[in-house]
Amino acid sequence: MKDENIVKATCRELGITQKELGDMLDVPQPTVARWANGDIPKMAKMALQLMTENRNLKTKLDTIRKARDLINTL
């Protein structure tokens, strides 16, 4: 099975549209659509990987903070 395209995966994980992704990266939506079809530059791919990684790290940090706060109430 083919891996999901990084553009589609990033949009799904962040809960955004390709247009919103384009706005975030300051590129036109047709460019993002081209990337979604597999024609993605290396720098764009790296940016999408970093966006996803950043979101995951923020989620983990939020979980740690909530756990800390819970422990402090005990």
PDB file of N, CA and C in Angstrom:
ATOM      1  N   MET A   1       0.845  -1.195   0.000  1.00  0.00           N
ATOM      2  CA  MET A   1       0.000   0.000   0.000  1.00  0.00           C
ATOM      3  C   MET A   1       0.884   1.249   0.000  1.00  0.00           C
ATOM      4  N   LYS A   2       0.503   2.226  -0.798  1.00  0.00           N
ATOM      5  CA  LYS A   2       1.260   3.463  -0.914  1.00  0.00           C
ATOM      6  C   LYS A   2       1.075   4.321   0.343  1.00  0.00           C
ATOM      7  N   ASP A   3       2.173   4.945   0.801  1.00  0.00           N
ATOM      8  CA  ASP A   3       2.083   5.838   1.953  1.00  0.00           C
ATOM      9  C   ASP A   3       1.245   7.062   1.590  1.00  0.00           C
ATOM     10  N   GLU A   4       0.544   7.593   2.593  1.00  0.00           N
ATOM     11  CA  GLU A   4      -0.258   8.789   2.367  1.00  0.00           C
ATOM     12  C   GLU A   4       0.656   9.964   2.048  1.00  0.00           C
ATOM     13  N   ASN A   5       0.255  10.773   1.093  1.00  0.00           N
ATOM     14  CA  ASN A   5       1.013  11.961   0.717  1.00  0.00           C
ATOM     15  C   ASN A   5       1.169  12.870   1.935  1.00  0.00           C
ATOM     16  N   ILE A   6       2.341  13.452   2.095  1.00  0.00           N
ATOM     17  CA  ILE A   6       2.635  14.270   3.286  1.00  0.00           C
ATOM     18  C   ILE A   6       1.727  15.497   3.361  1.00  0.00           C
ATOM     19  N   VAL A   7       1.329  16.055   2.227  1.00  0.00           N
ATOM     20  CA  VAL A   7       0.430  17.214   2.243  1.00  0.00           C
ATOM     21  C   VAL A   7      -0.919  16.806   2.824  1.00  0.00           C
ATOM     22  N   LYS A   8      -1.450  15.709   2.309  1.00  0.00           N
ATOM     23  CA  LYS A   8      -2.745  15.232   2.791  1.00  0.00           C
ATOM     24  C   LYS A   8      -2.664  14.821   4.257  1.00  0.00           C
ATOM     25  N   ALA A   9      -1.576  14.168   4.633  1.00  0.00           N
ATOM     26  CA  ALA A   9      -1.406  13.742   6.023  1.00  0.00           C
ATOM     27  C   ALA A   9      -1.303  14.949   6.957  1.00  0.00           C
ATOM     28  N   THR A  10      -0.564  15.969   6.535  1.00  0.00           N
ATOM     29  CA  THR A  10      -0.404  17.170   7.360  1.00  0.00           C
ATOM     30  C   THR A  10      -1.745  17.874   7.536  1.00  0.00           C
ATOM     31  N   CYS A  11      -2.489  18.028   6.441  1.00  0.00           N
ATOM     32  CA  CYS A  11      -3.808  18.672   6.526  1.00  0.00           C
ATOM     33  C   CYS A  11      -4.736  17.881   7.436  1.00  0.00           C
ATOM     34  N   ARG A  12      -4.723  16.570   7.296  1.00  0.00           N
ATOM     35  CA  ARG A  12      -5.594  15.731   8.127  1.00  0.00           C
ATOM     36  C   ARG A  12      -5.202  15.868   9.596  1.00  0.00           C
ATOM     37  N   GLU A  13      -3.904  15.767   9.875  1.00  0.00           N
ATOM     38  CA  GLU A  13      -3.452  15.809  11.269  1.00  0.00           C
ATOM     39  C   GLU A  13      -3.688  17.172  11.917  1.00  0.00           C
ATOM     40  N   LEU A  14      -3.522  18.239  11.150  1.00  0.00           N
ATOM     41  CA  LEU A  14      -3.723  19.579  11.701  1.00  0.00           C
ATOM     42  C   LEU A  14      -5.181  20.026  11.622  1.00  0.00           C
ATOM     43  N   GLY A  15      -5.997  19.249  10.915  1.00  0.00           N
ATOM     44  CA  GLY A  15      -7.406  19.597  10.789  1.00  0.00           C
ATOM     45  C   GLY A  15      -7.631  20.841   9.954  1.00  0.00           C
ATOM     46  N   ILE A  16      -6.853  20.990   8.875  1.00  0.00           N
ATOM     47  CA  ILE A  16      -6.952  22.168   8.024  1.00  0.00           C
ATOM     48  C   ILE A  16      -7.125  21.745   6.566  1.00  0.00           C
ATOM     49  N   THR A  17      -7.527  22.694   5.737  1.00  0.00           N
ATOM     50  CA  THR A  17      -7.659  22.450   4.303  1.00  0.00           C
ATOM     51  C   THR A  17      -6.337  22.759   3.609  1.00  0.00           C
ATOM     52  N   GLN A  18      -6.255  22.354   2.355  1.00  0.00           N
ATOM     53  CA  GLN A  18      -5.051  22.685   1.589  1.00  0.00           C
ATOM     54  C   GLN A  18      -4.917  24.193   1.415  1.00  0.00           C
ATOM     55  N   LYS A  19      -6.052  24.893   1.289  1.00  0.00           N
ATOM     56  CA  LYS A  19      -5.989  26.354   1.186  1.00  0.00           C
ATOM     57  C   LYS A  19      -5.434  26.962   2.467  1.00  0.00           C
ATOM     58  N   GLU A  20      -5.898  26.460   3.615  1.00  0.00           N
ATOM     59  CA  GLU A  20      -5.387  26.967   4.897  1.00  0.00           C
ATOM     60  C   GLU A  20      -3.895  26.658   5.046  1.00  0.00           C
ATOM     61  N   LEU A  21      -3.487  25.491   4.588  1.00  0.00           N
ATOM     62  CA  LEU A  21      -2.062  25.141   4.631  1.00  0.00           C
ATOM     63  C   LEU A  21      -1.267  26.105   3.761  1.00  0.00           C
ATOM     64  N   GLY A  22      -1.787  26.392   2.572  1.00  0.00           N
ATOM     65  CA  GLY A  22      -1.129  27.356   1.698  1.00  0.00           C
ATOM     66  C   GLY A  22      -1.011  28.721   2.339  1.00  0.00           C
ATOM     67  N   ASP A  23      -2.077  29.146   3.014  1.00  0.00           N
ATOM     68  CA  ASP A  23      -2.042  30.436   3.719  1.00  0.00           C
ATOM     69  C   ASP A  23      -0.969  30.429   4.807  1.00  0.00           C
ATOM     70  N   MET A  24      -0.871  29.326   5.537  1.00  0.00           N
ATOM     71  CA  MET A  24       0.125  29.227   6.606  1.00  0.00           C
ATOM     72  C   MET A  24       1.549  29.285   6.050  1.00  0.00           C
ATOM     73  N   LEU A  25       1.741  28.705   4.869  1.00  0.00           N
ATOM     74  CA  LEU A  25       3.075  28.657   4.262  1.00  0.00           C
ATOM     75  C   LEU A  25       3.311  29.790   3.274  1.00  0.00           C
ATOM     76  N   ASP A  26       2.300  30.641   3.096  1.00  0.00           N
ATOM     77  CA  ASP A  26       2.364  31.772   2.168  1.00  0.00           C
ATOM     78  C   ASP A  26       2.638  31.319   0.735  1.00  0.00           C
ATOM     79  N   VAL A  27       1.924  30.272   0.318  1.00  0.00           N
ATOM     80  CA  VAL A  27       1.987  29.801  -1.067  1.00  0.00           C
ATOM     81  C   VAL A  27       0.549  29.646  -1.577  1.00  0.00           C
ATOM     82  N   PRO A  28       0.335  29.811  -2.877  1.00  0.00           N
ATOM     83  CA  PRO A  28      -1.021  29.683  -3.417  1.00  0.00           C
ATOM     84  C   PRO A  28      -1.552  28.256  -3.300  1.00  0.00           C
ATOM     85  N   GLN A  29      -2.879  28.134  -3.189  1.00  0.00           N
ATOM     86  CA  GLN A  29      -3.505  26.824  -3.058  1.00  0.00           C
ATOM     87  C   GLN A  29      -3.168  25.911  -4.237  1.00  0.00           C
ATOM     88  N   PRO A  30      -3.103  26.416  -5.491  1.00  0.00           N
ATOM     89  CA  PRO A  30      -2.729  25.517  -6.586  1.00  0.00           C
ATOM     90  C   PRO A  30      -1.341  24.882  -6.406  1.00  0.00           C
ATOM     91  N   THR A  31      -0.438  25.605  -5.762  1.00  0.00           N
ATOM     92  CA  THR A  31       0.884  25.043  -5.479  1.00  0.00           C
ATOM     93  C   THR A  31       0.762  23.899  -4.488  1.00  0.00           C
ATOM     94  N   VAL A  32      -0.045  24.093  -3.447  1.00  0.00           N
ATOM     95  CA  VAL A  32      -0.257  23.036  -2.461  1.00  0.00           C
ATOM     96  C   VAL A  32      -0.921  21.830  -3.128  1.00  0.00           C
ATOM     97  N   ALA A  33      -1.874  22.088  -4.022  1.00  0.00           N
ATOM     98  CA  ALA A  33      -2.539  20.996  -4.743  1.00  0.00           C
ATOM     99  C   ALA A  33      -1.533  20.215  -5.580  1.00  0.00           C
ATOM    100  N   ARG A  34      -0.603  20.909  -6.214  1.00  0.00           N
ATOM    101  CA  ARG A  34       0.450  20.236  -6.988  1.00  0.00           C
ATOM    102  C   ARG A  34       1.310  19.375  -6.077  1.00  0.00           C
ATOM    103  N   TRP A  35       1.630  19.899  -4.892  1.00  0.00           N
ATOM    104  CA  TRP A  35       2.402  19.116  -3.922  1.00  0.00           C
ATOM    105  C   TRP A  35       1.627  17.868  -3.512  1.00  0.00           C
ATOM    106  N   ALA A  36       0.319  18.014  -3.341  1.00  0.00           N
ATOM    107  CA  ALA A  36      -0.515  16.887  -2.927  1.00  0.00           C
ATOM    108  C   ALA A  36      -0.537  15.784  -3.981  1.00  0.00           C
ATOM    109  N   ASN A  37      -0.257  16.164  -5.220  1.00  0.00           N
ATOM    110  CA  ASN A  37      -0.192  15.180  -6.301  1.00  0.00           C
ATOM    111  C   ASN A  37       1.192  14.576  -6.454  1.00  0.00           C
ATOM    112  N   GLY A  38       2.101  14.891  -5.541  1.00  0.00           N
ATOM    113  CA  GLY A  38       3.406  14.252  -5.527  1.00  0.00           C
ATOM    114  C   GLY A  38       4.563  15.100  -5.977  1.00  0.00           C
ATOM    115  N   ASP A  39       4.312  16.265  -6.541  1.00  0.00           N
ATOM    116  CA  ASP A  39       5.384  17.145  -7.011  1.00  0.00           C
ATOM    117  C   ASP A  39       5.721  18.145  -5.907  1.00  0.00           C
ATOM    118  N   ILE A  40       6.444  17.655  -4.890  1.00  0.00           N
ATOM    119  CA  ILE A  40       6.725  18.496  -3.721  1.00  0.00           C
ATOM    120  C   ILE A  40       8.227  18.722  -3.559  1.00  0.00           C
ATOM    121  N   PRO A  41       8.634  19.988  -3.465  1.00  0.00           N
ATOM    122  CA  PRO A  41      10.055  20.282  -3.261  1.00  0.00           C
ATOM    123  C   PRO A  41      10.522  19.801  -1.885  1.00  0.00           C
ATOM    124  N   LYS A  42      11.806  19.540  -1.808  1.00  0.00           N
ATOM    125  CA  LYS A  42      12.397  19.035  -0.568  1.00  0.00           C
ATOM    126  C   LYS A  42      12.160  19.986   0.610  1.00  0.00           C
ATOM    127  N   MET A  43      12.320  21.284   0.387  1.00  0.00           N
ATOM    128  CA  MET A  43      12.136  22.258   1.478  1.00  0.00           C
ATOM    129  C   MET A  43      10.682  22.278   1.956  1.00  0.00           C
ATOM    130  N   ALA A  44       9.737  22.151   1.038  1.00  0.00           N
ATOM    131  CA  ALA A  44       8.324  22.127   1.430  1.00  0.00           C
ATOM    132  C   ALA A  44       8.037  20.875   2.244  1.00  0.00           C
ATOM    133  N   LYS A  45       8.594  19.755   1.821  1.00  0.00           N
ATOM    134  CA  LYS A  45       8.407  18.509   2.555  1.00  0.00           C
ATOM    135  C   LYS A  45       8.959  18.639   3.976  1.00  0.00           C
ATOM    136  N   MET A  46      10.124  19.256   4.093  1.00  0.00           N
ATOM    137  CA  MET A  46      10.723  19.456   5.419  1.00  0.00           C
ATOM    138  C   MET A  46       9.841  20.361   6.274  1.00  0.00           C
ATOM    139  N   ALA A  47       9.282  21.418   5.670  1.00  0.00           N
ATOM    140  CA  ALA A  47       8.418  22.342   6.413  1.00  0.00           C
ATOM    141  C   ALA A  47       7.186  21.609   6.936  1.00  0.00           C
ATOM    142  N   LEU A  48       6.593  20.745   6.101  1.00  0.00           N
ATOM    143  CA  LEU A  48       5.418  19.994   6.524  1.00  0.00           C
ATOM    144  C   LEU A  48       5.763  19.006   7.634  1.00  0.00           C
ATOM    145  N   GLN A  49       6.911  18.376   7.523  1.00  0.00           N
ATOM    146  CA  GLN A  49       7.347  17.453   8.581  1.00  0.00           C
ATOM    147  C   GLN A  49       7.540  18.207   9.890  1.00  0.00           C
ATOM    148  N   LEU A  50       8.121  19.391   9.820  1.00  0.00           N
ATOM    149  CA  LEU A  50       8.338  20.192  11.025  1.00  0.00           C
ATOM    150  C   LEU A  50       7.020  20.675  11.627  1.00  0.00           C
ATOM    151  N   MET A  51       6.055  21.025  10.774  1.00  0.00           N
ATOM    152  CA  MET A  51       4.740  21.449  11.277  1.00  0.00           C
ATOM    153  C   MET A  51       4.083  20.324  12.057  1.00  0.00           C
ATOM    154  N   THR A  52       4.145  19.117  11.505  1.00  0.00           N
ATOM    155  CA  THR A  52       3.548  17.964  12.166  1.00  0.00           C
ATOM    156  C   THR A  52       4.287  17.638  13.458  1.00  0.00           C
ATOM    157  N   GLU A  53       5.604  17.659  13.400  1.00  0.00           N
ATOM    158  CA  GLU A  53       6.402  17.370  14.597  1.00  0.00           C
ATOM    159  C   GLU A  53       6.132  18.407  15.686  1.00  0.00           C
ATOM    160  N   ASN A  54       6.029  19.668  15.308  1.00  0.00           N
ATOM    161  CA  ASN A  54       5.765  20.736  16.266  1.00  0.00           C
ATOM    162  C   ASN A  54       4.422  20.526  16.951  1.00  0.00           C
ATOM    163  N   ARG A  55       3.411  20.160  16.165  1.00  0.00           N
ATOM    164  CA  ARG A  55       2.089  19.910  16.746  1.00  0.00           C
ATOM    165  C   ARG A  55       2.142  18.747  17.724  1.00  0.00           C
ATOM    166  N   ASN A  56       2.827  17.678  17.348  1.00  0.00           N
ATOM    167  CA  ASN A  56       2.936  16.514  18.226  1.00  0.00           C
ATOM    168  C   ASN A  56       3.659  16.859  19.526  1.00  0.00           C
ATOM    169  N   LEU A  57       4.718  17.640  19.429  1.00  0.00           N
ATOM    170  CA  LEU A  57       5.456  18.035  20.636  1.00  0.00           C
ATOM    171  C   LEU A  57       4.613  18.940  21.532  1.00  0.00           C
ATOM    172  N   LYS A  58       3.841  19.840  20.930  1.00  0.00           N
ATOM    173  CA  LYS A  58       2.963  20.706  21.722  1.00  0.00           C
ATOM    174  C   LYS A  58       1.905  19.878  22.450  1.00  0.00           C
ATOM    175  N   THR A  59       1.395  18.862  21.783  1.00  0.00           N
ATOM    176  CA  THR A  59       0.395  17.991  22.404  1.00  0.00           C
ATOM    177  C   THR A  59       0.997  17.243  23.585  1.00  0.00           C
ATOM    178  N   LYS A  60       2.202  16.724  23.414  1.00  0.00           N
ATOM    179  CA  LYS A  60       2.876  16.013  24.505  1.00  0.00           C
ATOM    180  C   LYS A  60       3.168  16.954  25.670  1.00  0.00           C
ATOM    181  N   LEU A  61       3.620  18.164  25.362  1.00  0.00           N
ATOM    182  CA  LEU A  61       3.917  19.136  26.409  1.00  0.00           C
ATOM    183  C   LEU A  61       2.648  19.491  27.183  1.00  0.00           C
ATOM    184  N   ASP A  62       1.544  19.643  26.479  1.00  0.00           N
ATOM    185  CA  ASP A  62       0.277  19.938  27.139  1.00  0.00           C
ATOM    186  C   ASP A  62      -0.127  18.797  28.072  1.00  0.00           C
ATOM    187  N   THR A  63       0.068  17.570  27.636  1.00  0.00           N
ATOM    188  CA  THR A  63      -0.243  16.405  28.465  1.00  0.00           C
ATOM    189  C   THR A  63       0.623  16.386  29.717  1.00  0.00           C
ATOM    190  N   ILE A  64       1.901  16.689  29.558  1.00  0.00           N
ATOM    191  CA  ILE A  64       2.828  16.723  30.700  1.00  0.00           C
ATOM    192  C   ILE A  64       2.412  17.820  31.686  1.00  0.00           C
ATOM    193  N   ARG A  65       2.036  18.969  31.159  1.00  0.00           N
ATOM    194  CA  ARG A  65       1.604  20.069  32.038  1.00  0.00           C
ATOM    195  C   ARG A  65       0.350  19.695  32.819  1.00  0.00           C
ATOM    196  N   LYS A  66      -0.592  19.040  32.150  1.00  0.00           N
ATOM    197  CA  LYS A  66      -1.818  18.611  32.835  1.00  0.00           C
ATOM    198  C   LYS A  66      -1.505  17.581  33.912  1.00  0.00           C
ATOM    199  N   ALA A  67      -0.591  16.673  33.630  1.00  0.00           N
ATOM    200  CA  ALA A  67      -0.200  15.675  34.611  1.00  0.00           C
ATOM    201  C   ALA A  67       0.475  16.346  35.805  1.00  0.00           C
ATOM    202  N   ARG A  68       1.335  17.302  35.535  1.00  0.00           N
ATOM    203  CA  ARG A  68       2.003  18.049  36.611  1.00  0.00           C
ATOM    204  C   ARG A  68       0.988  18.759  37.486  1.00  0.00           C
ATOM    205  N   ASP A  69       0.028  19.415  36.842  1.00  0.00           N
ATOM    206  CA  ASP A  69      -1.002  20.136  37.585  1.00  0.00           C
ATOM    207  C   ASP A  69      -1.843  19.188  38.438  1.00  0.00           C
ATOM    208  N   LEU A  70      -2.133  18.021  37.892  1.00  0.00           N
ATOM    209  CA  LEU A  70      -2.891  17.009  38.631  1.00  0.00           C
ATOM    210  C   LEU A  70      -2.089  16.533  39.839  1.00  0.00           C
ATOM    211  N   ILE A  71      -0.822  16.261  39.647  1.00  0.00           N
ATOM    212  CA  ILE A  71       0.047  15.824  40.743  1.00  0.00           C
ATOM    213  C   ILE A  71       0.129  16.904  41.818  1.00  0.00           C
ATOM    214  N   ASN A  72       0.207  18.156  41.411  1.00  0.00           N
ATOM    215  CA  ASN A  72       0.302  19.245  42.382  1.00  0.00           C
ATOM    216  C   ASN A  72      -0.962  19.407  43.222  1.00  0.00           C
ATOM    217  N   THR A  73      -2.083  18.906  42.734  1.00  0.00           N
ATOM    218  CA  THR A  73      -3.328  19.004  43.507  1.00  0.00           C
ATOM    219  C   THR A  73      -3.451  17.896  44.537  1.00  0.00           C
ATOM    220  N   LEU A  74      -2.602  16.889  44.436  1.00  0.00           N
ATOM    221  CA  LEU A  74      -2.682  15.770  45.384  1.00  0.00           C
ATOM    222  C   LEU A  74      -2.068  16.111  46.720  1.00  0.00           C
TER     223      LEU A  74
END
